[in-house]
Amino acid sequence: MKCNCPAAVHVDGTARPQLFLEEVNPSFFRIVREYYQLGGIPSIINTSFNMHEEPIVNSPADAVRAFLQGNLDYLAIGNLLVRHPMQARGGAR
């Protein structure tokens, strides 16, 4: 893992992988499989979703607020993938 995905490995050489089964989470499996086909790395780093000096997103309303205020291109929430409105118009944020 350290050679293929060094950002997922702590300075002491440990990692905290989270494994899942295609049968349990087929949509997430498809995302990881596509990422692997595009980049050659069969893993995705999961990080907290919050803006600088803000608490971690804890509700859909928090997610939308952080998405609109932050420098994010897309928001995946439930079965939806939403493009940032400023990006959709070709504007700078």
PDB file of N, CA and C in Angstrom:
ATOM      1  N   MET A   1       0.830  -1.192   0.000  1.00  0.00           N
ATOM      2  CA  MET A   1       0.000   0.000   0.000  1.00  0.00           C
ATOM      3  C   MET A   1       0.870   1.250   0.000  1.00  0.00           C
ATOM      4  N   LYS A   2       1.976   1.236   0.737  1.00  0.00           N
ATOM      5  CA  LYS A   2       2.805   2.438   0.851  1.00  0.00           C
ATOM      6  C   LYS A   2       3.355   2.886  -0.506  1.00  0.00           C
ATOM      7  N   CYS A   3       3.707   1.939  -1.365  1.00  0.00           N
ATOM      8  CA  CYS A   3       4.251   2.314  -2.676  1.00  0.00           C
ATOM      9  C   CYS A   3       3.163   2.815  -3.621  1.00  0.00           C
ATOM     10  N   ASN A   4       1.993   2.190  -3.588  1.00  0.00           N
ATOM     11  CA  ASN A   4       0.918   2.550  -4.516  1.00  0.00           C
ATOM     12  C   ASN A   4       0.059   3.709  -4.041  1.00  0.00           C
ATOM     13  N   CYS A   5      -0.016   3.894  -2.733  1.00  0.00           N
ATOM     14  CA  CYS A   5      -0.908   4.910  -2.187  1.00  0.00           C
ATOM     15  C   CYS A   5      -0.284   5.508  -0.922  1.00  0.00           C
ATOM     16  N   PRO A   6       0.847   6.213  -1.056  1.00  0.00           N
ATOM     17  CA  PRO A   6       1.574   6.687   0.127  1.00  0.00           C
ATOM     18  C   PRO A   6       0.786   7.637   1.013  1.00  0.00           C
ATOM     19  N   ALA A   7      -0.170   8.367   0.465  1.00  0.00           N
ATOM     20  CA  ALA A   7      -0.946   9.303   1.282  1.00  0.00           C
ATOM     21  C   ALA A   7      -1.824   8.586   2.298  1.00  0.00           C
ATOM     22  N   ALA A   8      -2.066   7.289   2.095  1.00  0.00           N
ATOM     23  CA  ALA A   8      -2.912   6.520   3.014  1.00  0.00           C
ATOM     24  C   ALA A   8      -2.111   5.896   4.153  1.00  0.00           C
ATOM     25  N   VAL A   9      -0.796   6.053   4.122  1.00  0.00           N
ATOM     26  CA  VAL A   9       0.059   5.426   5.126  1.00  0.00           C
ATOM     27  C   VAL A   9       0.577   6.473   6.102  1.00  0.00           C
ATOM     28  N   HIS A  10       0.389   6.207   7.389  1.00  0.00           N
ATOM     29  CA  HIS A  10       0.848   7.115   8.443  1.00  0.00           C
ATOM     30  C   HIS A  10       2.370   7.086   8.508  1.00  0.00           C
ATOM     31  N   VAL A  11       2.967   8.079   9.135  1.00  0.00           N
ATOM     32  CA  VAL A  11       4.432   8.162   9.219  1.00  0.00           C
ATOM     33  C   VAL A  11       5.044   6.946   9.913  1.00  0.00           C
ATOM     34  N   ASP A  12       4.272   6.246  10.758  1.00  0.00           N
ATOM     35  CA  ASP A  12       4.808   5.062  11.435  1.00  0.00           C
ATOM     36  C   ASP A  12       4.636   3.789  10.611  1.00  0.00           C
ATOM     37  N   GLY A  13       4.149   3.927   9.357  1.00  0.00           N
ATOM     38  CA  GLY A  13       4.023   2.784   8.459  1.00  0.00           C
ATOM     39  C   GLY A  13       2.699   2.045   8.568  1.00  0.00           C
ATOM     40  N   THR A  14       1.799   2.513   9.415  1.00  0.00           N
ATOM     41  CA  THR A  14       0.501   1.852   9.561  1.00  0.00           C
ATOM     42  C   THR A  14      -0.547   2.521   8.669  1.00  0.00           C
ATOM     43  N   ALA A  15      -1.641   1.809   8.461  1.00  0.00           N
ATOM     44  CA  ALA A  15      -2.771   2.333   7.697  1.00  0.00           C
ATOM     45  C   ALA A  15      -4.046   1.792   8.332  1.00  0.00           C
ATOM     46  N   ARG A  16      -5.157   2.424   8.030  1.00  0.00           N
ATOM     47  CA  ARG A  16      -6.454   1.971   8.535  1.00  0.00           C
ATOM     48  C   ARG A  16      -7.389   1.723   7.359  1.00  0.00           C
ATOM     49  N   PRO A  17      -7.159   0.641   6.625  1.00  0.00           N
ATOM     50  CA  PRO A  17      -8.004   0.375   5.454  1.00  0.00           C
ATOM     51  C   PRO A  17      -9.422  -0.008   5.879  1.00  0.00           C
ATOM     52  N   GLN A  18     -10.370   0.377   5.072  1.00  0.00           N
ATOM     53  CA  GLN A  18     -11.763  -0.023   5.253  1.00  0.00           C
ATOM     54  C   GLN A  18     -12.148  -0.834   4.030  1.00  0.00           C
ATOM     55  N   LEU A  19     -12.484  -2.077   4.253  1.00  0.00           N
ATOM     56  CA  LEU A  19     -12.808  -2.997   3.179  1.00  0.00           C
ATOM     57  C   LEU A  19     -14.322  -3.089   3.012  1.00  0.00           C
ATOM     58  N   PHE A  20     -14.760  -3.411   1.816  1.00  0.00           N
ATOM     59  CA  PHE A  20     -16.179  -3.538   1.552  1.00  0.00           C
ATOM     60  C   PHE A  20     -16.376  -4.576   0.462  1.00  0.00           C
ATOM     61  N   LEU A  21     -17.576  -5.088   0.376  1.00  0.00           N
ATOM     62  CA  LEU A  21     -17.924  -6.101  -0.617  1.00  0.00           C
ATOM     63  C   LEU A  21     -18.825  -5.498  -1.690  1.00  0.00           C
ATOM     64  N   GLU A  22     -18.641  -5.935  -2.917  1.00  0.00           N
ATOM     65  CA  GLU A  22     -19.487  -5.464  -4.007  1.00  0.00           C
ATOM     66  C   GLU A  22     -20.957  -5.754  -3.716  1.00  0.00           C
ATOM     67  N   GLU A  23     -21.235  -6.909  -3.117  1.00  0.00           N
ATOM     68  CA  GLU A  23     -22.610  -7.298  -2.831  1.00  0.00           C
ATOM     69  C   GLU A  23     -23.266  -6.373  -1.801  1.00  0.00           C
ATOM     70  N   VAL A  24     -22.472  -5.785  -0.916  1.00  0.00           N
ATOM     71  CA  VAL A  24     -23.001  -4.930   0.144  1.00  0.00           C
ATOM     72  C   VAL A  24     -23.141  -3.481  -0.320  1.00  0.00           C
ATOM     73  N   ASN A  25     -22.185  -3.021  -1.137  1.00  0.00           N
ATOM     74  CA  ASN A  25     -22.210  -1.616  -1.581  1.00  0.00           C
ATOM     75  C   ASN A  25     -21.831  -1.541  -3.064  1.00  0.00           C
ATOM     76  N   PRO A  26     -22.744  -1.965  -3.945  1.00  0.00           N
ATOM     77  CA  PRO A  26     -22.404  -2.030  -5.371  1.00  0.00           C
ATOM     78  C   PRO A  26     -22.080  -0.679  -6.005  1.00  0.00           C
ATOM     79  N   SER A  27     -22.725   0.402  -5.576  1.00  0.00           N
ATOM     80  CA  SER A  27     -22.443   1.701  -6.192  1.00  0.00           C
ATOM     81  C   SER A  27     -21.043   2.181  -5.835  1.00  0.00           C
ATOM     82  N   PHE A  28     -20.629   2.004  -4.577  1.00  0.00           N
ATOM     83  CA  PHE A  28     -19.277   2.407  -4.192  1.00  0.00           C
ATOM     84  C   PHE A  28     -18.243   1.516  -4.873  1.00  0.00           C
ATOM     85  N   PHE A  29     -18.554   0.228  -5.010  1.00  0.00           N
ATOM     86  CA  PHE A  29     -17.653  -0.689  -5.713  1.00  0.00           C
ATOM     87  C   PHE A  29     -17.422  -0.209  -7.145  1.00  0.00           C
ATOM     88  N   ARG A  30     -18.477   0.239  -7.819  1.00  0.00           N
ATOM     89  CA  ARG A  30     -18.333   0.729  -9.198  1.00  0.00           C
ATOM     90  C   ARG A  30     -17.439   1.968  -9.257  1.00  0.00           C
ATOM     91  N   ILE A  31     -17.555   2.845  -8.260  1.00  0.00           N
ATOM     92  CA  ILE A  31     -16.704   4.040  -8.207  1.00  0.00           C
ATOM     93  C   ILE A  31     -15.237   3.638  -8.070  1.00  0.00           C
ATOM     94  N   VAL A  32     -14.949   2.739  -7.135  1.00  0.00           N
ATOM     95  CA  VAL A  32     -13.562   2.315  -6.915  1.00  0.00           C
ATOM     96  C   VAL A  32     -13.029   1.583  -8.137  1.00  0.00           C
ATOM     97  N   ARG A  33     -13.847   0.736  -8.752  1.00  0.00           N
ATOM     98  CA  ARG A  33     -13.413   0.009  -9.951  1.00  0.00           C
ATOM     99  C   ARG A  33     -13.093   0.985 -11.086  1.00  0.00           C
ATOM    100  N   GLU A  34     -13.913   2.004 -11.289  1.00  0.00           N
ATOM    101  CA  GLU A  34     -13.661   2.994 -12.342  1.00  0.00           C
ATOM    102  C   GLU A  34     -12.387   3.790 -12.050  1.00  0.00           C
ATOM    103  N   TYR A  35     -12.214   4.177 -10.783  1.00  0.00           N
ATOM    104  CA  TYR A  35     -11.002   4.893 -10.387  1.00  0.00           C
ATOM    105  C   TYR A  35      -9.762   4.032 -10.659  1.00  0.00           C
ATOM    106  N   TYR A  36      -9.856   2.758 -10.350  1.00  0.00           N
ATOM    107  CA  TYR A  36      -8.747   1.827 -10.615  1.00  0.00           C
ATOM    108  C   TYR A  36      -8.461   1.745 -12.116  1.00  0.00           C
ATOM    109  N   GLN A  37      -9.499   1.679 -12.929  1.00  0.00           N
ATOM    110  CA  GLN A  37      -9.301   1.606 -14.384  1.00  0.00           C
ATOM    111  C   GLN A  37      -8.666   2.881 -14.918  1.00  0.00           C
ATOM    112  N   LEU A  38      -9.018   4.021 -14.341  1.00  0.00           N
ATOM    113  CA  LEU A  38      -8.463   5.300 -14.792  1.00  0.00           C
ATOM    114  C   LEU A  38      -7.052   5.547 -14.282  1.00  0.00           C
ATOM    115  N   GLY A  39      -6.789   5.205 -13.038  1.00  0.00           N
ATOM    116  CA  GLY A  39      -5.518   5.579 -12.421  1.00  0.00           C
ATOM    117  C   GLY A  39      -4.594   4.458 -12.028  1.00  0.00           C
ATOM    118  N   GLY A  40      -5.088   3.211 -12.068  1.00  0.00           N
ATOM    119  CA  GLY A  40      -4.240   2.080 -11.727  1.00  0.00           C
ATOM    120  C   GLY A  40      -4.076   1.838 -10.238  1.00  0.00           C
ATOM    121  N   ILE A  41      -4.843   2.535  -9.410  1.00  0.00           N
ATOM    122  CA  ILE A  41      -4.765   2.347  -7.960  1.00  0.00           C
ATOM    123  C   ILE A  41      -6.149   1.927  -7.478  1.00  0.00           C
ATOM    124  N   PRO A  42      -6.266   0.712  -6.896  1.00  0.00           N
ATOM    125  CA  PRO A  42      -7.579   0.214  -6.499  1.00  0.00           C
ATOM    126  C   PRO A  42      -7.993   0.665  -5.099  1.00  0.00           C
ATOM    127  N   SER A  43      -7.812   1.934  -4.811  1.00  0.00           N
ATOM    128  CA  SER A  43      -8.211   2.450  -3.497  1.00  0.00           C
ATOM    129  C   SER A  43      -8.560   3.926  -3.611  1.00  0.00           C
ATOM    130  N   ILE A  44      -9.371   4.364  -2.657  1.00  0.00           N
ATOM    131  CA  ILE A  44      -9.762   5.762  -2.567  1.00  0.00           C
ATOM    132  C   ILE A  44      -9.532   6.206  -1.139  1.00  0.00           C
ATOM    133  N   ILE A  45      -8.985   7.387  -0.947  1.00  0.00           N
ATOM    134  CA  ILE A  45      -8.773   7.902   0.402  1.00  0.00           C
ATOM    135  C   ILE A  45     -10.050   8.597   0.860  1.00  0.00           C
ATOM    136  N   ASN A  46     -10.531   8.179   2.011  1.00  0.00           N
ATOM    137  CA  ASN A  46     -11.720   8.779   2.614  1.00  0.00           C
ATOM    138  C   ASN A  46     -11.248   9.782   3.655  1.00  0.00           C
ATOM    139  N   THR A  47     -11.644  11.003   3.518  1.00  0.00           N
ATOM    140  CA  THR A  47     -11.248  12.040   4.460  1.00  0.00           C
ATOM    141  C   THR A  47     -12.484  12.736   4.991  1.00  0.00           C
ATOM    142  N   SER A  48     -12.311  13.542   6.009  1.00  0.00           N
ATOM    143  CA  SER A  48     -13.464  14.244   6.563  1.00  0.00           C
ATOM    144  C   SER A  48     -13.957  15.300   5.579  1.00  0.00           C
ATOM    145  N   PHE A  49     -15.227  15.600   5.644  1.00  0.00           N
ATOM    146  CA  PHE A  49     -15.841  16.606   4.775  1.00  0.00           C
ATOM    147  C   PHE A  49     -16.183  17.798   5.656  1.00  0.00           C
ATOM    148  N   ASN A  50     -15.352  18.787   5.617  1.00  0.00           N
ATOM    149  CA  ASN A  50     -15.603  20.040   6.312  1.00  0.00           C
ATOM    150  C   ASN A  50     -14.703  21.113   5.722  1.00  0.00           C
ATOM    151  N   MET A  51     -15.089  22.348   5.936  1.00  0.00           N
ATOM    152  CA  MET A  51     -14.288  23.468   5.471  1.00  0.00           C
ATOM    153  C   MET A  51     -13.348  23.881   6.602  1.00  0.00           C
ATOM    154  N   HIS A  52     -12.327  24.635   6.302  1.00  0.00           N
ATOM    155  CA  HIS A  52     -11.329  25.061   7.282  1.00  0.00           C
ATOM    156  C   HIS A  52     -12.001  25.697   8.495  1.00  0.00           C
ATOM    157  N   GLU A  53     -11.621  25.216   9.662  1.00  0.00           N
ATOM    158  CA  GLU A  53     -12.111  25.707  10.952  1.00  0.00           C
ATOM    159  C   GLU A  53     -13.625  25.559  11.128  1.00  0.00           C
ATOM    160  N   GLU A  54     -14.240  24.639  10.404  1.00  0.00           N
ATOM    161  CA  GLU A  54     -15.667  24.336  10.543  1.00  0.00           C
ATOM    162  C   GLU A  54     -15.809  22.911  11.061  1.00  0.00           C
ATOM    163  N   PRO A  55     -16.911  22.613  11.760  1.00  0.00           N
ATOM    164  CA  PRO A  55     -17.123  21.224  12.201  1.00  0.00           C
ATOM    165  C   PRO A  55     -17.367  20.310  11.008  1.00  0.00           C
ATOM    166  N   ILE A  56     -17.189  19.019  11.220  1.00  0.00           N
ATOM    167  CA  ILE A  56     -17.425  18.034  10.165  1.00  0.00           C
ATOM    168  C   ILE A  56     -18.895  18.069   9.751  1.00  0.00           C
ATOM    169  N   VAL A  57     -19.133  17.952   8.470  1.00  0.00           N
ATOM    170  CA  VAL A  57     -20.487  17.926   7.924  1.00  0.00           C
ATOM    171  C   VAL A  57     -21.265  16.790   8.585  1.00  0.00           C
ATOM    172  N   ASN A  58     -22.476  17.123   9.055  1.00  0.00           N
ATOM    173  CA  ASN A  58     -23.245  16.145   9.808  1.00  0.00           C
ATOM    174  C   ASN A  58     -24.677  15.986   9.284  1.00  0.00           C
ATOM    175  N   SER A  59     -25.014  16.676   8.219  1.00  0.00           N
ATOM    176  CA  SER A  59     -26.366  16.586   7.671  1.00  0.00           C
ATOM    177  C   SER A  59     -26.323  16.982   6.199  1.00  0.00           C
ATOM    178  N   PRO A  60     -27.373  16.641   5.440  1.00  0.00           N
ATOM    179  CA  PRO A  60     -27.421  17.097   4.046  1.00  0.00           C
ATOM    180  C   PRO A  60     -27.346  18.624   3.929  1.00  0.00           C
ATOM    181  N   ALA A  61     -27.971  19.339   4.854  1.00  0.00           N
ATOM    182  CA  ALA A  61     -27.914  20.808   4.816  1.00  0.00           C
ATOM    183  C   ALA A  61     -26.484  21.296   5.018  1.00  0.00           C
ATOM    184  N   ASP A  62     -25.740  20.684   5.951  1.00  0.00           N
ATOM    185  CA  ASP A  62     -24.329  21.028   6.147  1.00  0.00           C
ATOM    186  C   ASP A  62     -23.538  20.772   4.869  1.00  0.00           C
ATOM    187  N   ALA A  63     -23.823  19.639   4.219  1.00  0.00           N
ATOM    188  CA  ALA A  63     -23.089  19.272   3.001  1.00  0.00           C
ATOM    189  C   ALA A  63     -23.317  20.287   1.893  1.00  0.00           C
ATOM    190  N   VAL A  64     -24.554  20.692   1.708  1.00  0.00           N
ATOM    191  CA  VAL A  64     -24.877  21.672   0.655  1.00  0.00           C
ATOM    192  C   VAL A  64     -24.214  23.011   0.963  1.00  0.00           C
ATOM    193  N   ARG A  65     -24.269  23.446   2.229  1.00  0.00           N
ATOM    194  CA  ARG A  65     -23.645  24.719   2.607  1.00  0.00           C
ATOM    195  C   ARG A  65     -22.141  24.680   2.338  1.00  0.00           C
ATOM    196  N   ALA A  66     -21.470  23.610   2.777  1.00  0.00           N
ATOM    197  CA  ALA A  66     -20.028  23.487   2.563  1.00  0.00           C
ATOM    198  C   ALA A  66     -19.707  23.430   1.072  1.00  0.00           C
ATOM    199  N   PHE A  67     -20.521  22.725   0.322  1.00  0.00           N
ATOM    200  CA  PHE A  67     -20.339  22.605  -1.124  1.00  0.00           C
ATOM    201  C   PHE A  67     -20.431  23.967  -1.808  1.00  0.00           C
ATOM    202  N   LEU A  68     -21.436  24.747  -1.467  1.00  0.00           N
ATOM    203  CA  LEU A  68     -21.629  26.045  -2.105  1.00  0.00           C
ATOM    204  C   LEU A  68     -20.584  27.064  -1.677  1.00  0.00           C
ATOM    205  N   GLN A  69     -20.112  26.984  -0.440  1.00  0.00           N
ATOM    206  CA  GLN A  69     -19.137  27.954   0.065  1.00  0.00           C
ATOM    207  C   GLN A  69     -17.697  27.551  -0.228  1.00  0.00           C
ATOM    208  N   GLY A  70     -17.462  26.274  -0.453  1.00  0.00           N
ATOM    209  CA  GLY A  70     -16.099  25.788  -0.628  1.00  0.00           C
ATOM    210  C   GLY A  70     -15.653  25.779  -2.070  1.00  0.00           C
ATOM    211  N   ASN A  71     -14.425  25.394  -2.261  1.00  0.00           N
ATOM    212  CA  ASN A  71     -13.831  25.301  -3.590  1.00  0.00           C
ATOM    213  C   ASN A  71     -13.990  23.871  -4.098  1.00  0.00           C
ATOM    214  N   LEU A  72     -15.240  23.446  -4.264  1.00  0.00           N
ATOM    215  CA  LEU A  72     -15.554  22.085  -4.675  1.00  0.00           C
ATOM    216  C   LEU A  72     -16.213  22.107  -6.040  1.00  0.00           C
ATOM    217  N   ASP A  73     -15.913  21.116  -6.844  1.00  0.00           N
ATOM    218  CA  ASP A  73     -16.503  21.036  -8.180  1.00  0.00           C
ATOM    219  C   ASP A  73     -17.821  20.280  -8.189  1.00  0.00           C
ATOM    220  N   TYR A  74     -17.908  19.200  -7.401  1.00  0.00           N
ATOM    221  CA  TYR A  74     -19.084  18.353  -7.388  1.00  0.00           C
ATOM    222  C   TYR A  74     -19.436  17.962  -5.958  1.00  0.00           C
ATOM    223  N   LEU A  75     -20.695  17.611  -5.770  1.00  0.00           N
ATOM    224  CA  LEU A  75     -21.165  17.055  -4.514  1.00  0.00           C
ATOM    225  C   LEU A  75     -21.929  15.784  -4.838  1.00  0.00           C
ATOM    226  N   ALA A  76     -21.496  14.667  -4.258  1.00  0.00           N
ATOM    227  CA  ALA A  76     -22.219  13.406  -4.370  1.00  0.00           C
ATOM    228  C   ALA A  76     -22.973  13.229  -3.062  1.00  0.00           C
ATOM    229  N   ILE A  77     -24.279  13.148  -3.162  1.00  0.00           N
ATOM    230  CA  ILE A  77     -25.106  12.996  -1.972  1.00  0.00           C
ATOM    231  C   ILE A  77     -26.259  12.057  -2.327  1.00  0.00           C
ATOM    232  N   GLY A  78     -26.349  10.950  -1.610  1.00  0.00           N
ATOM    233  CA  GLY A  78     -27.328   9.930  -1.962  1.00  0.00           C
ATOM    234  C   GLY A  78     -27.032   9.406  -3.352  1.00  0.00           C
ATOM    235  N   ASN A  79     -28.020   9.366  -4.196  1.00  0.00           N
ATOM    236  CA  ASN A  79     -27.837   8.917  -5.580  1.00  0.00           C
ATOM    237  C   ASN A  79     -27.613  10.073  -6.545  1.00  0.00           C
ATOM    238  N   LEU A  80     -27.363  11.263  -6.016  1.00  0.00           N
ATOM    239  CA  LEU A  80     -27.196  12.449  -6.854  1.00  0.00           C
ATOM    240  C   LEU A  80     -25.732  12.855  -6.972  1.00  0.00           C
ATOM    241  N   LEU A  81     -25.363  13.361  -8.124  1.00  0.00           N
ATOM    242  CA  LEU A  81     -24.070  13.986  -8.350  1.00  0.00           C
ATOM    243  C   LEU A  81     -24.373  15.370  -8.902  1.00  0.00           C
ATOM    244  N   VAL A  82     -24.010  16.402  -8.134  1.00  0.00           N
ATOM    245  CA  VAL A  82     -24.360  17.773  -8.492  1.00  0.00           C
ATOM    246  C   VAL A  82     -23.093  18.555  -8.815  1.00  0.00           C
ATOM    247  N   ARG A  83     -23.114  19.257  -9.934  1.00  0.00           N
ATOM    248  CA  ARG A  83     -22.008  20.124 -10.323  1.00  0.00           C
ATOM    249  C   ARG A  83     -22.208  21.485  -9.659  1.00  0.00           C
ATOM    250  N   HIS A  84     -21.119  22.085  -9.196  1.00  0.00           N
ATOM    251  CA  HIS A  84     -21.212  23.399  -8.560  1.00  0.00           C
ATOM    252  C   HIS A  84     -21.820  24.386  -9.552  1.00  0.00           C
ATOM    253  N   PRO A  85     -22.798  25.205  -9.121  1.00  0.00           N
ATOM    254  CA  PRO A  85     -23.472  26.109 -10.060  1.00  0.00           C
ATOM    255  C   PRO A  85     -22.529  27.068 -10.778  1.00  0.00           C
ATOM    256  N   MET A  86     -21.480  27.531 -10.121  1.00  0.00           N
ATOM    257  CA  MET A  86     -20.546  28.444 -10.785  1.00  0.00           C
ATOM    258  C   MET A  86     -19.740  27.714 -11.851  1.00  0.00           C
ATOM    259  N   GLN A  87     -19.413  26.454 -11.622  1.00  0.00           N
ATOM    260  CA  GLN A  87     -18.699  25.676 -12.624  1.00  0.00           C
ATOM    261  C   GLN A  87     -19.609  25.399 -13.814  1.00  0.00           C
ATOM    262  N   ALA A  88     -20.879  25.148 -13.555  1.00  0.00           N
ATOM    263  CA  ALA A  88     -21.827  24.867 -14.637  1.00  0.00           C
ATOM    264  C   ALA A  88     -21.969  26.048 -15.572  1.00  0.00           C
ATOM    265  N   ARG A  89     -21.827  27.270 -15.044  1.00  0.00           N
ATOM    266  CA  ARG A  89     -21.928  28.483 -15.874  1.00  0.00           C
ATOM    267  C   ARG A  89     -20.569  28.901 -16.438  1.00  0.00           C
ATOM    268  N   GLY A  90     -19.523  28.174 -16.063  1.00  0.00           N
ATOM    269  CA  GLY A  90     -18.193  28.502 -16.550  1.00  0.00           C
ATOM    270  C   GLY A  90     -17.533  29.641 -15.809  1.00  0.00           C
ATOM    271  N   GLY A  91     -18.088  30.010 -14.665  1.00  0.00           N
ATOM    272  CA  GLY A  91     -17.544  31.117 -13.892  1.00  0.00           C
ATOM    273  C   GLY A  91     -16.514  30.680 -12.874  1.00  0.00           C
ATOM    274  N   ALA A  92     -15.743  31.608 -12.385  1.00  0.00           N
ATOM    275  CA  ALA A  92     -14.767  31.336 -11.346  1.00  0.00           C
ATOM    276  C   ALA A  92     -15.429  31.473  -9.992  1.00  0.00           C
ATOM    277  N   ARG A  93     -14.949  30.663  -9.051  1.00  0.00           N
ATOM    278  CA  ARG A  93     -15.486  30.757  -7.690  1.00  0.00           C
ATOM    279  C   ARG A  93     -14.535  31.458  -6.799  1.00  0.00           C
TER     280      ARG A  93
END
